[in-house]
N, C-alpha and C. Protein backbone atom coordinates (compact mmCIF):
# COMPACT_ATOMS: atom_id res chain seq x y z
N UNK A 1 82.84 128.66 63.52
CA UNK A 1 83.68 127.97 64.52
C UNK A 1 84.19 129.05 65.52
N UNK A 2 84.16 128.82 66.76
CA UNK A 2 84.75 129.75 67.83
C UNK A 2 86.16 129.49 67.90
N UNK A 3 87.01 130.44 67.82
CA UNK A 3 88.42 130.29 68.01
C UNK A 3 88.90 130.81 69.42
N UNK A 4 89.78 130.03 69.98
CA UNK A 4 90.41 130.41 71.26
C UNK A 4 91.68 131.21 71.02
N UNK A 5 91.88 132.27 71.74
CA UNK A 5 93.17 132.95 71.65
C UNK A 5 94.22 132.21 72.38
N UNK A 6 95.47 132.65 72.17
CA UNK A 6 96.64 131.99 72.78
C UNK A 6 96.49 132.05 74.31
N UNK A 7 96.06 133.16 74.84
CA UNK A 7 95.94 133.32 76.34
C UNK A 7 94.99 132.23 76.89
N UNK A 8 93.90 131.96 76.27
CA UNK A 8 92.98 130.97 76.74
C UNK A 8 93.56 129.53 76.66
N UNK A 9 94.31 129.30 75.57
CA UNK A 9 94.91 127.97 75.44
C UNK A 9 95.97 127.77 76.57
N UNK A 10 96.70 128.82 76.84
CA UNK A 10 97.77 128.62 77.90
C UNK A 10 97.16 128.41 79.27
N UNK A 11 96.02 129.12 79.56
CA UNK A 11 95.37 128.95 80.83
C UNK A 11 94.87 127.56 80.97
N UNK A 12 94.22 127.00 79.95
CA UNK A 12 93.69 125.65 79.91
C UNK A 12 94.86 124.66 80.17
N UNK A 13 95.93 124.85 79.48
CA UNK A 13 97.14 123.98 79.64
C UNK A 13 97.66 123.96 81.06
N UNK A 14 97.73 125.17 81.63
CA UNK A 14 98.30 125.31 83.04
C UNK A 14 97.34 124.62 84.01
N UNK A 15 95.99 124.70 83.79
CA UNK A 15 95.09 124.10 84.70
C UNK A 15 95.21 122.57 84.65
N UNK A 16 95.36 122.07 83.38
CA UNK A 16 95.45 120.63 83.18
C UNK A 16 96.68 120.07 83.85
N UNK A 17 97.81 120.78 83.74
CA UNK A 17 99.04 120.31 84.32
C UNK A 17 98.92 120.26 85.88
N UNK A 18 98.20 121.42 86.43
CA UNK A 18 98.12 121.45 87.87
C UNK A 18 97.18 120.33 88.36
N UNK A 19 96.21 119.88 87.66
CA UNK A 19 95.35 118.85 88.11
C UNK A 19 96.02 117.47 88.01
N UNK A 20 96.95 117.34 87.04
CA UNK A 20 97.54 115.98 86.82
C UNK A 20 98.85 115.76 87.56
N UNK A 21 99.44 116.95 88.05
CA UNK A 21 100.70 116.80 88.76
C UNK A 21 100.53 116.24 90.10
N UNK A 22 101.38 115.25 90.56
CA UNK A 22 101.18 114.60 91.88
C UNK A 22 101.57 115.70 92.94
N UNK A 23 100.86 115.64 94.05
CA UNK A 23 101.09 116.52 95.14
C UNK A 23 102.28 115.89 95.95
N UNK A 24 102.92 116.75 96.73
CA UNK A 24 104.03 116.26 97.58
C UNK A 24 103.58 115.31 98.56
N UNK A 25 104.34 114.23 98.65
CA UNK A 25 104.04 113.14 99.54
C UNK A 25 103.91 113.66 101.01
N UNK A 26 102.80 113.21 101.77
CA UNK A 26 102.63 113.45 103.03
C UNK A 26 102.64 112.23 103.94
N UNK A 27 102.57 111.06 103.37
CA UNK A 27 102.61 109.82 104.10
C UNK A 27 103.85 109.07 103.90
N UNK A 28 104.61 108.77 104.92
CA UNK A 28 105.88 108.11 104.74
C UNK A 28 106.00 106.77 105.48
N UNK A 29 106.62 105.78 104.88
CA UNK A 29 106.89 104.50 105.56
C UNK A 29 107.79 104.70 106.72
N UNK A 30 107.52 104.00 107.76
CA UNK A 30 108.28 103.97 109.00
C UNK A 30 109.24 102.77 108.94
N UNK A 31 110.57 102.96 109.10
CA UNK A 31 111.50 101.89 108.89
C UNK A 31 112.24 101.40 110.25
N UNK A 32 112.06 102.08 111.25
CA UNK A 32 112.60 101.64 112.55
C UNK A 32 112.50 102.64 113.60
N UNK A 33 113.14 102.45 114.74
CA UNK A 33 113.17 103.28 115.94
C UNK A 33 112.70 102.51 117.22
N UNK A 34 112.14 103.12 118.18
CA UNK A 34 111.75 102.52 119.41
C UNK A 34 110.69 103.32 120.09
N UNK A 35 109.77 102.62 120.77
CA UNK A 35 108.76 103.37 121.54
C UNK A 35 109.08 102.99 122.99
N UNK A 36 108.99 104.04 123.83
CA UNK A 36 109.24 103.92 125.20
C UNK A 36 107.99 104.32 126.06
N UNK A 37 107.71 103.56 127.04
CA UNK A 37 106.56 103.90 128.02
C UNK A 37 107.05 103.93 129.47
N UNK A 38 107.05 105.11 129.99
CA UNK A 38 107.44 105.27 131.37
C UNK A 38 106.19 104.82 132.31
N UNK A 39 106.32 103.80 132.96
CA UNK A 39 105.16 103.14 133.60
C UNK A 39 104.75 104.01 134.83
N UNK A 40 103.44 104.23 135.00
CA UNK A 40 102.92 105.05 136.11
C UNK A 40 103.20 104.38 137.47
N UNK A 41 103.24 105.16 138.47
CA UNK A 41 103.31 104.51 139.85
C UNK A 41 102.11 103.81 140.24
N UNK A 42 100.96 104.23 139.64
CA UNK A 42 99.62 103.54 139.98
C UNK A 42 99.68 102.13 139.37
N UNK A 43 100.11 101.99 138.20
CA UNK A 43 100.20 100.72 137.48
C UNK A 43 101.24 99.83 138.12
N UNK A 44 102.46 100.33 138.42
CA UNK A 44 103.45 99.59 139.18
C UNK A 44 102.92 99.17 140.47
N UNK A 45 102.26 100.03 141.25
CA UNK A 45 101.76 99.68 142.59
C UNK A 45 100.65 98.68 142.49
N UNK A 46 99.77 98.72 141.47
CA UNK A 46 98.75 97.66 141.33
C UNK A 46 99.32 96.31 141.06
N UNK A 47 100.25 96.23 140.18
CA UNK A 47 100.89 95.01 139.85
C UNK A 47 101.63 94.43 141.07
N UNK A 48 102.32 95.30 141.85
CA UNK A 48 103.07 94.85 143.00
C UNK A 48 102.12 94.31 144.06
N UNK A 49 100.97 94.93 144.28
CA UNK A 49 100.06 94.52 145.31
C UNK A 49 99.37 93.23 144.91
N UNK A 50 99.36 92.90 143.63
CA UNK A 50 98.62 91.66 143.22
C UNK A 50 99.69 90.56 143.00
N UNK A 51 100.99 90.92 143.22
CA UNK A 51 101.99 89.87 143.10
C UNK A 51 102.22 89.51 141.62
N UNK A 52 102.00 90.44 140.77
CA UNK A 52 102.19 90.21 139.32
C UNK A 52 103.65 90.74 138.88
N UNK A 53 104.35 89.80 138.20
CA UNK A 53 105.67 90.15 137.77
C UNK A 53 105.68 90.48 136.29
N UNK A 54 106.38 91.52 135.88
CA UNK A 54 106.38 91.97 134.45
C UNK A 54 107.72 91.78 133.98
N UNK A 55 107.83 91.25 132.73
CA UNK A 55 109.05 91.07 132.08
C UNK A 55 109.05 91.21 130.56
N UNK A 56 110.15 91.29 129.88
CA UNK A 56 110.17 91.57 128.43
C UNK A 56 110.09 90.27 127.62
N UNK A 57 109.52 90.42 126.38
CA UNK A 57 109.44 89.34 125.45
C UNK A 57 110.27 89.77 124.25
N UNK A 58 111.10 88.83 123.70
CA UNK A 58 111.88 89.15 122.58
C UNK A 58 112.84 90.32 122.84
N UNK A 59 112.76 91.29 121.91
CA UNK A 59 113.62 92.55 121.97
C UNK A 59 113.02 93.65 122.77
N UNK A 60 111.88 93.26 123.50
CA UNK A 60 111.32 94.29 124.38
C UNK A 60 112.28 94.46 125.58
N UNK A 61 112.12 95.55 126.31
CA UNK A 61 112.86 95.80 127.51
C UNK A 61 112.03 96.37 128.66
N UNK A 62 112.37 96.04 129.83
CA UNK A 62 111.86 96.68 131.05
C UNK A 62 112.98 97.04 131.95
N UNK A 63 113.26 98.33 132.12
CA UNK A 63 114.42 98.76 132.88
C UNK A 63 114.14 100.04 133.59
N UNK A 64 114.28 100.00 134.91
CA UNK A 64 114.13 101.26 135.74
C UNK A 64 112.76 101.82 135.51
N UNK A 65 111.70 101.04 135.36
CA UNK A 65 110.38 101.64 135.26
C UNK A 65 109.96 102.02 133.91
N UNK A 66 110.83 101.72 132.90
CA UNK A 66 110.47 102.08 131.53
C UNK A 66 110.44 100.81 130.68
N UNK A 67 109.28 100.65 129.96
CA UNK A 67 109.18 99.47 129.03
C UNK A 67 109.44 100.08 127.63
N UNK A 68 110.16 99.34 126.84
CA UNK A 68 110.40 99.82 125.47
C UNK A 68 110.39 98.63 124.40
N UNK A 69 109.99 99.02 123.24
CA UNK A 69 109.90 98.05 122.19
C UNK A 69 110.37 98.57 120.88
N UNK A 70 111.05 97.68 120.05
CA UNK A 70 111.62 98.14 118.76
C UNK A 70 110.48 98.28 117.74
N UNK A 71 110.61 99.43 116.94
CA UNK A 71 109.67 99.63 115.81
C UNK A 71 110.14 98.90 114.58
N UNK A 72 109.27 98.18 113.94
CA UNK A 72 109.68 97.45 112.72
C UNK A 72 108.91 97.81 111.34
N UNK A 73 108.04 98.85 111.50
CA UNK A 73 107.26 99.18 110.30
C UNK A 73 106.15 100.25 110.58
N UNK A 74 105.32 100.40 109.47
CA UNK A 74 104.24 101.25 109.68
C UNK A 74 104.22 102.37 108.60
N UNK A 75 103.29 103.30 108.75
CA UNK A 75 103.25 104.45 107.90
C UNK A 75 102.76 105.58 108.69
N UNK A 76 103.30 106.83 108.42
CA UNK A 76 102.91 108.08 109.18
C UNK A 76 102.53 109.20 108.19
N UNK A 77 101.32 109.75 108.41
CA UNK A 77 100.93 110.88 107.62
C UNK A 77 101.24 112.11 108.47
N UNK A 78 102.18 112.89 107.99
CA UNK A 78 102.66 114.01 108.79
C UNK A 78 101.68 115.22 108.72
N UNK A 79 100.84 115.20 107.76
CA UNK A 79 99.90 116.28 107.56
C UNK A 79 98.86 116.35 108.74
N UNK A 80 98.38 115.21 109.19
CA UNK A 80 97.41 115.15 110.24
C UNK A 80 97.67 114.18 111.44
N UNK A 81 98.90 113.77 111.52
CA UNK A 81 99.36 112.89 112.59
C UNK A 81 98.56 111.61 112.70
N UNK A 82 98.36 111.02 111.61
CA UNK A 82 97.55 109.72 111.60
C UNK A 82 98.52 108.64 110.95
N UNK A 83 98.15 107.38 111.24
CA UNK A 83 98.85 106.29 110.69
C UNK A 83 99.00 105.13 111.62
N UNK A 84 100.02 104.30 111.38
CA UNK A 84 100.17 103.10 112.22
C UNK A 84 101.70 102.87 112.42
N UNK A 85 102.06 102.44 113.57
CA UNK A 85 103.51 102.12 113.90
C UNK A 85 103.44 100.71 114.55
N UNK A 86 104.21 99.74 113.87
CA UNK A 86 104.21 98.42 114.41
C UNK A 86 105.47 98.11 115.08
N UNK A 87 105.45 97.05 115.97
CA UNK A 87 106.56 96.81 116.88
C UNK A 87 106.77 95.27 116.95
N UNK A 88 107.97 94.93 117.39
CA UNK A 88 108.34 93.60 117.71
C UNK A 88 108.40 93.49 119.23
N UNK A 89 108.54 92.22 119.77
CA UNK A 89 108.70 92.05 121.19
C UNK A 89 107.36 92.25 121.93
N UNK A 90 107.44 92.35 123.27
CA UNK A 90 106.22 92.56 124.06
C UNK A 90 106.55 92.39 125.53
N UNK A 91 105.52 92.08 126.38
CA UNK A 91 105.60 91.96 127.72
C UNK A 91 104.95 90.63 128.25
N UNK A 92 105.46 90.08 129.22
CA UNK A 92 104.65 88.99 129.86
C UNK A 92 104.33 89.38 131.40
N UNK A 93 103.18 88.99 131.77
CA UNK A 93 102.75 89.17 133.18
C UNK A 93 102.44 87.85 133.77
N UNK A 94 103.05 87.61 134.96
CA UNK A 94 102.95 86.28 135.61
C UNK A 94 102.52 86.49 137.08
N UNK A 95 101.70 85.63 137.65
CA UNK A 95 101.42 85.60 139.05
C UNK A 95 101.07 84.15 139.31
N UNK A 96 101.96 83.51 140.11
CA UNK A 96 101.79 82.09 140.42
C UNK A 96 101.87 81.27 139.07
N UNK A 97 100.75 80.50 138.78
CA UNK A 97 100.67 79.70 137.56
C UNK A 97 100.11 80.40 136.51
N UNK A 98 99.65 81.69 136.67
CA UNK A 98 98.94 82.40 135.64
C UNK A 98 99.91 83.28 134.84
N UNK A 99 99.81 83.18 133.52
CA UNK A 99 100.72 83.87 132.61
C UNK A 99 99.94 84.55 131.49
N UNK A 100 100.31 85.80 131.28
CA UNK A 100 99.65 86.58 130.11
C UNK A 100 100.89 87.08 129.29
N UNK A 101 100.82 86.92 127.99
CA UNK A 101 101.81 87.48 127.04
C UNK A 101 101.07 88.56 126.19
N UNK A 102 101.66 89.70 126.09
CA UNK A 102 101.21 90.80 125.32
C UNK A 102 102.33 91.14 124.22
N UNK A 103 101.94 90.91 123.00
CA UNK A 103 103.08 90.92 121.97
C UNK A 103 102.67 91.72 120.70
N UNK A 104 103.66 92.03 119.87
CA UNK A 104 103.53 92.63 118.55
C UNK A 104 102.53 93.82 118.56
N UNK A 105 102.93 94.80 119.23
CA UNK A 105 102.10 95.96 119.49
C UNK A 105 101.96 96.79 118.18
N UNK A 106 100.80 97.28 117.94
CA UNK A 106 100.51 98.25 116.88
C UNK A 106 99.96 99.62 117.44
N UNK A 107 100.61 100.66 117.23
CA UNK A 107 100.07 101.94 117.67
C UNK A 107 99.17 102.43 116.43
N UNK A 108 97.93 102.68 116.61
CA UNK A 108 97.03 103.09 115.66
C UNK A 108 96.62 104.50 115.89
N UNK A 109 96.97 105.40 114.99
CA UNK A 109 96.68 106.84 115.18
C UNK A 109 95.57 107.34 114.38
N UNK A 110 94.81 106.48 113.67
CA UNK A 110 93.68 106.80 112.94
C UNK A 110 92.47 106.62 113.86
N UNK A 111 91.41 107.56 113.59
CA UNK A 111 90.30 107.48 114.55
C UNK A 111 90.62 107.92 115.91
N UNK A 112 90.27 107.03 116.91
CA UNK A 112 90.70 107.28 118.26
C UNK A 112 92.03 106.57 118.54
N UNK A 113 93.06 107.33 118.82
CA UNK A 113 94.43 106.66 118.93
C UNK A 113 94.41 105.60 120.03
N UNK A 114 95.06 104.54 119.76
CA UNK A 114 95.20 103.44 120.67
C UNK A 114 96.24 102.37 120.32
N UNK A 115 96.40 101.39 121.11
CA UNK A 115 97.42 100.37 120.81
C UNK A 115 96.85 99.02 121.02
N UNK A 116 97.01 98.24 119.95
CA UNK A 116 96.52 96.89 120.02
C UNK A 116 97.71 95.88 120.19
N UNK A 117 97.38 94.72 120.62
CA UNK A 117 98.49 93.70 120.78
C UNK A 117 97.87 92.28 120.73
N UNK A 118 98.72 91.31 120.41
CA UNK A 118 98.31 89.95 120.37
C UNK A 118 98.44 89.40 121.90
N UNK A 119 97.35 88.80 122.31
CA UNK A 119 97.27 88.36 123.66
C UNK A 119 97.24 86.78 123.81
N UNK A 120 98.14 86.29 124.63
CA UNK A 120 98.14 84.84 124.87
C UNK A 120 97.96 84.68 126.34
N UNK A 121 96.86 83.98 126.79
CA UNK A 121 96.67 83.76 128.23
C UNK A 121 96.86 82.32 128.55
N UNK A 122 97.79 81.97 129.45
CA UNK A 122 98.00 80.60 129.94
C UNK A 122 98.16 79.65 128.69
N UNK A 123 98.88 80.14 127.69
CA UNK A 123 99.22 79.30 126.55
C UNK A 123 98.09 79.29 125.45
N UNK A 124 96.97 79.95 125.68
CA UNK A 124 95.95 79.96 124.69
C UNK A 124 95.86 81.36 124.04
N UNK A 125 95.87 81.31 122.71
CA UNK A 125 95.73 82.60 121.92
C UNK A 125 94.40 83.21 122.10
N UNK A 126 94.30 84.34 122.75
CA UNK A 126 93.07 85.12 122.87
C UNK A 126 92.67 85.84 121.51
N UNK A 127 93.76 86.43 120.95
CA UNK A 127 93.56 87.21 119.72
C UNK A 127 94.23 88.58 119.90
N UNK A 128 94.00 89.43 118.89
CA UNK A 128 94.54 90.79 118.89
C UNK A 128 93.45 91.72 119.46
N UNK A 129 93.67 92.37 120.56
CA UNK A 129 92.76 93.25 121.17
C UNK A 129 93.27 94.58 121.35
N UNK A 130 92.40 95.63 121.61
CA UNK A 130 92.85 96.93 121.96
C UNK A 130 93.25 96.96 123.40
N UNK A 131 94.53 97.16 123.62
CA UNK A 131 95.10 97.12 125.04
C UNK A 131 94.95 98.48 125.74
N UNK A 132 95.37 99.47 124.93
CA UNK A 132 95.50 100.82 125.65
C UNK A 132 94.95 101.88 124.73
N UNK A 133 94.43 102.94 125.39
CA UNK A 133 93.98 104.16 124.69
C UNK A 133 95.18 105.12 124.79
N UNK A 134 95.28 105.94 123.76
CA UNK A 134 96.40 106.93 123.73
C UNK A 134 95.79 108.29 123.49
N UNK A 135 96.23 109.24 124.34
CA UNK A 135 95.92 110.75 124.23
C UNK A 135 97.13 111.39 123.67
N UNK A 136 97.08 111.95 122.55
CA UNK A 136 98.20 112.69 121.96
C UNK A 136 98.46 113.87 122.81
N UNK A 137 99.69 114.40 122.91
CA UNK A 137 100.03 115.54 123.76
C UNK A 137 99.32 116.71 123.25
N UNK A 138 98.86 117.58 124.23
CA UNK A 138 98.07 118.84 123.90
C UNK A 138 99.03 119.81 123.15
N UNK A 139 98.48 120.54 122.23
CA UNK A 139 99.26 121.53 121.55
C UNK A 139 100.18 120.97 120.39
N UNK A 140 99.90 119.77 119.93
CA UNK A 140 100.71 119.33 118.91
C UNK A 140 100.43 120.10 117.59
N UNK A 141 101.59 120.39 116.94
CA UNK A 141 101.58 121.25 115.78
C UNK A 141 101.56 120.43 114.48
N UNK A 142 100.55 120.78 113.60
CA UNK A 142 100.44 120.12 112.31
C UNK A 142 100.78 121.13 111.17
N UNK A 143 101.36 120.68 110.15
CA UNK A 143 101.88 119.24 109.92
C UNK A 143 103.06 119.01 110.76
N UNK A 144 103.28 117.77 111.05
CA UNK A 144 104.51 117.36 111.78
C UNK A 144 105.78 117.60 110.97
N UNK A 145 106.74 117.99 111.68
CA UNK A 145 108.07 118.33 111.01
C UNK A 145 109.14 117.38 111.48
N UNK A 146 109.33 116.19 110.86
CA UNK A 146 110.42 115.35 111.25
C UNK A 146 111.76 116.05 111.22
N UNK A 147 112.60 115.78 112.19
CA UNK A 147 113.95 116.36 112.21
C UNK A 147 114.81 115.83 111.06
N UNK A 148 115.53 116.71 110.42
CA UNK A 148 116.35 116.23 109.26
C UNK A 148 115.54 115.49 108.18
N UNK A 149 114.23 115.78 108.19
CA UNK A 149 113.40 115.13 107.19
C UNK A 149 113.01 113.72 107.39
N UNK A 150 113.55 113.10 108.43
CA UNK A 150 113.34 111.60 108.62
C UNK A 150 113.16 111.18 110.06
N UNK A 151 113.49 111.89 111.06
CA UNK A 151 113.40 111.47 112.41
C UNK A 151 112.25 112.03 113.08
N UNK A 152 111.29 111.16 113.58
CA UNK A 152 110.04 111.66 114.20
C UNK A 152 110.08 111.25 115.68
N UNK A 153 109.90 112.27 116.52
CA UNK A 153 110.01 112.02 117.96
C UNK A 153 108.75 112.66 118.67
N UNK A 154 107.74 111.82 119.03
CA UNK A 154 106.54 112.25 119.65
C UNK A 154 106.69 111.92 121.19
N UNK A 155 106.63 112.97 121.98
CA UNK A 155 106.75 112.76 123.45
C UNK A 155 105.47 113.18 124.18
N UNK A 156 105.23 112.65 125.36
CA UNK A 156 104.17 113.09 126.18
C UNK A 156 102.79 112.57 125.85
N UNK A 157 102.72 111.41 125.20
CA UNK A 157 101.39 110.80 124.93
C UNK A 157 101.00 109.93 126.12
N UNK A 158 99.79 110.20 126.61
CA UNK A 158 99.31 109.57 127.75
C UNK A 158 98.64 108.21 127.40
N UNK A 159 99.03 107.13 128.15
CA UNK A 159 98.63 105.83 127.89
C UNK A 159 97.67 105.34 129.03
N UNK A 160 96.45 104.89 128.70
CA UNK A 160 95.54 104.33 129.68
C UNK A 160 95.06 102.99 129.26
N UNK A 161 94.60 102.24 130.23
CA UNK A 161 94.01 100.93 129.92
C UNK A 161 92.66 101.00 129.25
N UNK A 162 92.47 100.20 128.25
CA UNK A 162 91.14 100.08 127.55
C UNK A 162 90.18 99.27 128.35
N UNK A 163 88.89 99.46 128.11
CA UNK A 163 87.88 98.64 128.78
C UNK A 163 88.02 97.19 128.53
N UNK A 164 88.34 96.82 127.30
CA UNK A 164 88.57 95.42 126.87
C UNK A 164 89.68 94.79 127.59
N UNK A 165 90.81 95.48 127.64
CA UNK A 165 92.00 94.92 128.34
C UNK A 165 91.71 94.85 129.85
N UNK A 166 91.07 95.81 130.43
CA UNK A 166 90.74 95.76 131.85
C UNK A 166 89.92 94.50 132.19
N UNK A 167 88.86 94.25 131.39
CA UNK A 167 88.09 93.09 131.61
C UNK A 167 88.84 91.75 131.49
N UNK A 168 89.73 91.75 130.47
CA UNK A 168 90.55 90.58 130.29
C UNK A 168 91.55 90.31 131.40
N UNK A 169 92.19 91.38 131.85
CA UNK A 169 93.14 91.22 133.00
C UNK A 169 92.47 90.76 134.21
N UNK A 170 91.37 91.43 134.57
CA UNK A 170 90.59 91.01 135.73
C UNK A 170 90.09 89.63 135.72
N UNK A 171 89.74 89.17 134.55
CA UNK A 171 89.28 87.77 134.43
C UNK A 171 90.43 86.78 134.59
N UNK A 172 91.56 87.10 133.89
CA UNK A 172 92.64 86.12 133.93
C UNK A 172 93.21 85.99 135.26
N UNK A 173 93.42 87.11 136.03
CA UNK A 173 94.01 87.11 137.29
C UNK A 173 93.11 87.03 138.46
N UNK A 174 91.83 87.01 138.12
CA UNK A 174 90.73 86.80 139.17
C UNK A 174 90.68 87.93 140.12
N UNK A 175 90.80 89.19 139.64
CA UNK A 175 90.87 90.41 140.47
C UNK A 175 89.78 91.35 139.92
N UNK A 176 89.64 92.55 140.63
CA UNK A 176 88.83 93.62 140.14
C UNK A 176 89.52 94.95 140.20
N UNK A 177 90.96 94.86 140.15
CA UNK A 177 91.71 96.10 140.38
C UNK A 177 91.76 96.96 139.15
N UNK A 178 91.50 96.47 137.96
CA UNK A 178 91.67 97.20 136.71
C UNK A 178 90.35 97.74 136.10
N UNK A 179 90.37 98.93 135.60
CA UNK A 179 89.15 99.48 134.97
C UNK A 179 89.61 100.39 133.80
N UNK A 180 88.64 100.63 132.83
CA UNK A 180 89.02 101.45 131.75
C UNK A 180 89.45 102.75 132.18
N UNK A 181 90.46 103.30 131.59
CA UNK A 181 91.06 104.57 131.95
C UNK A 181 92.18 104.46 132.98
N UNK A 182 92.49 103.28 133.47
CA UNK A 182 93.48 103.13 134.48
C UNK A 182 94.83 103.60 133.90
N UNK A 183 95.56 104.53 134.62
CA UNK A 183 96.77 105.08 134.09
C UNK A 183 97.98 104.02 133.87
N UNK A 184 98.47 103.87 132.70
CA UNK A 184 99.52 102.99 132.42
C UNK A 184 100.86 103.77 132.41
N UNK A 185 100.88 104.85 131.79
CA UNK A 185 102.17 105.70 131.85
C UNK A 185 102.19 106.76 130.63
N UNK A 186 103.34 107.26 130.42
CA UNK A 186 103.59 108.22 129.33
C UNK A 186 104.47 107.61 128.26
N UNK A 187 104.13 107.81 126.98
CA UNK A 187 104.80 107.20 125.89
C UNK A 187 105.66 108.23 125.08
N UNK A 188 106.72 107.69 124.51
CA UNK A 188 107.50 108.47 123.60
C UNK A 188 107.72 107.51 122.41
N UNK A 189 107.37 108.05 121.26
CA UNK A 189 107.59 107.32 119.97
C UNK A 189 108.65 107.93 119.16
N UNK A 190 109.79 107.16 119.03
CA UNK A 190 110.98 107.74 118.24
C UNK A 190 111.20 106.88 117.12
N UNK A 191 110.81 107.39 115.96
CA UNK A 191 110.70 106.55 114.73
C UNK A 191 111.56 107.24 113.57
N UNK A 192 112.07 106.38 112.76
CA UNK A 192 112.85 106.82 111.52
C UNK A 192 111.93 106.61 110.30
N UNK A 193 111.74 107.63 109.53
CA UNK A 193 111.05 107.50 108.24
C UNK A 193 111.96 106.95 107.19
N UNK A 194 111.35 106.33 106.22
CA UNK A 194 112.13 105.73 105.11
C UNK A 194 113.04 106.77 104.38
N UNK A 195 114.28 106.47 104.23
CA UNK A 195 115.23 107.32 103.59
C UNK A 195 114.82 107.85 102.26
N UNK A 196 114.49 106.92 101.38
CA UNK A 196 114.17 107.23 99.93
C UNK A 196 112.98 108.09 99.82
N UNK A 197 111.86 107.77 100.58
CA UNK A 197 110.61 108.53 100.46
C UNK A 197 110.83 109.96 101.12
N UNK A 198 111.43 109.97 102.28
CA UNK A 198 111.60 111.24 102.98
C UNK A 198 112.44 112.23 102.17
N UNK A 199 113.29 111.73 101.32
CA UNK A 199 114.26 112.66 100.60
C UNK A 199 113.62 113.26 99.38
N UNK A 200 112.41 112.73 98.90
CA UNK A 200 111.79 113.20 97.80
C UNK A 200 111.15 114.62 97.96
């Protein structure tokens, strides 16, 4: 029978512990905050020329060219800047008797970053569609380092209109002013990570 010396046994035990020990959490629940979008002059000008009025829904806000929405959940992986951030409220767009409501936005940072929303056109639910494409700011440093272990503040994300949303808006308002890549504005996501998880 082959005998193992004490050094071999210790090495095997250490390897077993290292494989079974949980790694430090990298994904944290998001518990609140707010997302701000400074609307581009191109977008504001296009809406103005078409006679489209923009206003907030629920706890959304539109003030001095900045639209903002409260964050109510999601998860963020700080190791690779992926995850999802969900929101309450939204925007409505009206021109004459035509009305479009864009609500319950989800920022999706997995795959190709973008924002989806529930769309209601003239009282009819269209469904959840990809409204905007999001380009994360250049030079982002990974892993992300939330301030005080729990406050995440991403600034300088470029927001553009998706092809699906452009087609939908042109169809609803009977125009051809919108196209994929149309500049919407610059976004800032200010979110708080869950206290208990972030403290571990």
